[in-house]
Amino acid sequence: MMNSIKLDIITGKDKEVFCSMFNLYHHDPVCMKLSLFPVVDEKGFYDYTAIEEYFLPDNKDKVTLYIVRYENHPAGFIVLTKPPFVKKGCDYCVHEFFITGNLRGAGIAGQTCEALFNLHPGRYSLLVIQENVVAKAFWKKTVEKAGHDIEIYDNENGDITYIFSIELDSGHRQLSQRS
């Protein structure tokens, strides 16, 4: 089943797909509840200031954008940041992670993380917002299966920060195993 997941680095030709996925991401009920992007533009899209930041030439070596493909179709995206956009002592931050609603619960997100971790072993950080109960459960399970040297911080506002290490030779269990 892992063969059906592919992570493609986003290039200029993929920017439109990424923008569409980013808009879907912000239609997610959790984002809508938080009013993270409360206003859409005249074309019905949320503010893309963040997207433009991702594509700045100065950020080329600090931000890696992936389109997640499942059976060769866009299925989500990952925004992976590197220093200086990570917590001190970390190599990477999973800054944004999105799988389309129709593929949730099918093991696709776990396979996607496994593919990402295989590409980028090292020390990670990620933040999960308190209202996103599904993401909290997913990341807890994912980090416990794949990571080691795990640190979990409950932030004052209820968000959770995970810091963990991924080593290819650490014998981590495959995330694509559904549990």
Foldseek 3Di string as FASTA:
>chain_A
DLVQKDWDWDDPVCLVVQQVQVQLVCVPPVNVVVPPFVDADPVRGTDCPVVVVLPDPVCPVFWTKIFIGGNNHGFHIWIKGAPPVFPPPWGIEREDTDGDPVCPPQLSSLSVVLVVCVVDFTKYKYKADQVCPVVVVVVVVSCVQFWPPWDWDQDPNRMIMIITGGDPPPPGDRSSDDD
